[in-house]
Every structure is written in C-alpha cells, then in structure tokens.
N, C-alpha and C. Protein backbone atom coordinates (compact mmCIF):
# COMPACT_ATOMS: atom_id res chain seq x y z
N UNK A 1 11.57 2.81 -3.44
CA UNK A 1 10.30 2.18 -4.05
C UNK A 1 9.23 2.64 -3.43
N UNK A 2 8.14 3.44 -4.10
CA UNK A 2 6.96 3.81 -3.22
C UNK A 2 5.82 3.22 -3.89
N UNK A 3 4.99 2.91 -2.96
CA UNK A 3 3.56 1.93 -3.20
C UNK A 3 2.67 3.25 -2.72
N UNK A 4 1.73 3.36 -3.98
CA UNK A 4 0.72 4.54 -3.58
C UNK A 4 -0.53 3.93 -4.09
N UNK A 5 -1.50 4.12 -3.22
CA UNK A 5 -2.90 3.73 -3.27
C UNK A 5 -3.73 4.14 -4.52
N UNK A 6 -4.59 3.37 -4.93
CA UNK A 6 -5.29 3.37 -6.07
C UNK A 6 -6.62 3.40 -5.74
N UNK A 7 -7.62 4.11 -4.96
CA UNK A 7 -8.57 3.73 -4.68
C UNK A 7 -9.82 3.06 -5.58
N UNK A 8 -9.20 3.33 -6.87
CA UNK A 8 -10.33 2.96 -8.12
C UNK A 8 -10.06 1.31 -8.35
N UNK A 9 -8.92 0.85 -8.20
CA UNK A 9 -8.74 -0.32 -8.38
C UNK A 9 -8.93 -1.39 -7.18
N UNK A 10 -8.46 -0.95 -6.08
CA UNK A 10 -8.76 -1.94 -4.79
C UNK A 10 -9.14 -1.24 -3.62
N UNK A 11 -9.76 -1.93 -2.81
CA UNK A 11 -10.29 -1.43 -1.52
C UNK A 11 -9.14 -1.13 -0.33
N UNK A 12 -9.50 -0.65 0.51
CA UNK A 12 -8.38 -0.18 1.50
C UNK A 12 -7.81 -1.35 2.12
N UNK A 13 -8.73 -2.48 2.41
CA UNK A 13 -7.95 -3.58 3.15
C UNK A 13 -7.00 -4.58 2.40
N UNK A 14 -7.40 -4.45 1.05
CA UNK A 14 -6.57 -5.12 0.02
C UNK A 14 -4.92 -4.59 -0.30
N UNK A 15 -5.15 -3.02 -0.28
CA UNK A 15 -4.05 -2.48 -0.24
C UNK A 15 -3.09 -2.28 1.11
N UNK A 16 -3.85 -2.20 2.09
CA UNK A 16 -3.12 -2.46 3.37
C UNK A 16 -2.45 -3.75 3.51
N UNK A 17 -3.43 -4.87 3.23
CA UNK A 17 -2.68 -6.23 3.33
C UNK A 17 -1.33 -6.34 2.53
N UNK A 18 -1.37 -5.84 1.38
CA UNK A 18 -0.34 -6.05 0.26
C UNK A 18 0.84 -5.34 0.84
N UNK A 19 0.53 -4.14 1.21
CA UNK A 19 1.82 -3.11 1.70
C UNK A 19 2.39 -4.16 2.65
N UNK A 20 1.69 -4.48 3.92
CA UNK A 20 2.47 -5.22 4.82
C UNK A 20 3.29 -6.54 4.17
N UNK A 21 2.78 -7.25 3.53
CA UNK A 21 3.41 -8.32 2.94
C UNK A 21 4.49 -7.76 2.12
N UNK A 22 4.37 -6.74 1.51
CA UNK A 22 5.58 -6.30 0.51
C UNK A 22 6.58 -5.72 1.43
N UNK A 23 6.23 -4.89 2.51
CA UNK A 23 7.38 -4.32 3.28
C UNK A 23 8.41 -5.72 3.86
N UNK A 24 7.69 -6.68 3.94
CA UNK A 24 8.55 -7.86 4.41
C UNK A 24 9.60 -7.98 3.32
N UNK A 25 9.14 -8.02 2.15
CA UNK A 25 10.26 -8.46 1.09
C UNK A 25 11.08 -7.47 0.63
N UNK A 26 10.63 -5.87 0.43
CA UNK A 26 11.33 -4.84 0.25
C UNK A 26 11.24 -3.91 1.50
N UNK A 27 12.28 -4.18 2.28
CA UNK A 27 12.48 -3.46 3.52
C UNK A 27 12.50 -1.91 3.26
N UNK A 28 12.94 -1.30 2.08
CA UNK A 28 13.03 0.09 1.83
C UNK A 28 11.84 0.61 1.12
N UNK A 29 10.94 -0.23 1.05
CA UNK A 29 9.58 0.27 0.48
C UNK A 29 9.00 1.32 1.33
N UNK A 30 8.62 2.43 0.68
CA UNK A 30 7.83 3.52 1.27
C UNK A 30 6.20 3.23 0.82
N UNK A 31 5.57 3.24 2.05
CA UNK A 31 4.14 3.09 1.50
C UNK A 31 3.49 4.45 2.03
N UNK A 32 2.73 5.00 1.18
CA UNK A 32 1.88 6.19 1.25
C UNK A 32 0.52 5.67 1.87
N UNK A 33 0.17 6.76 2.83
CA UNK A 33 -1.32 6.18 3.50
C UNK A 33 -2.45 6.27 2.46
N UNK A 34 -3.48 5.90 2.61
CA UNK A 34 -4.89 5.55 2.18
C UNK A 34 -5.10 7.14 2.07
N UNK A 35 -5.79 7.56 1.20
CA UNK A 35 -6.55 8.79 0.95
C UNK A 35 -7.71 8.98 1.78
N UNK A 36 -7.83 10.03 2.63
CA UNK A 36 -9.25 10.29 3.43
C UNK A 36 -10.41 10.60 2.54
N UNK A 37 -10.28 11.07 1.36
CA UNK A 37 -11.29 11.46 0.59
C UNK A 37 -11.15 10.63 -0.37
C-alpha cells in the first residue's frame, strides 16, 4: 500500500500525523514524502 500526499485536500501536518498513525496499523505502508513545491 502507498500513501501519497494531496496538498489540495489536507495540510502537511495532517498528512504527517495520519501517516504516523497508519504506519502503526499497516507496517508495510509506504509513505511518500510531502512535495517541496
């Protein structure tokens, strides 16, 4: 499973919090980094 950020829908802090929480549930989850631009 891959988690991709969508800056249009949620701010960075929300994305990063969800990513941390979901990685506990799904250890094989691949979290893509927040885009710089």
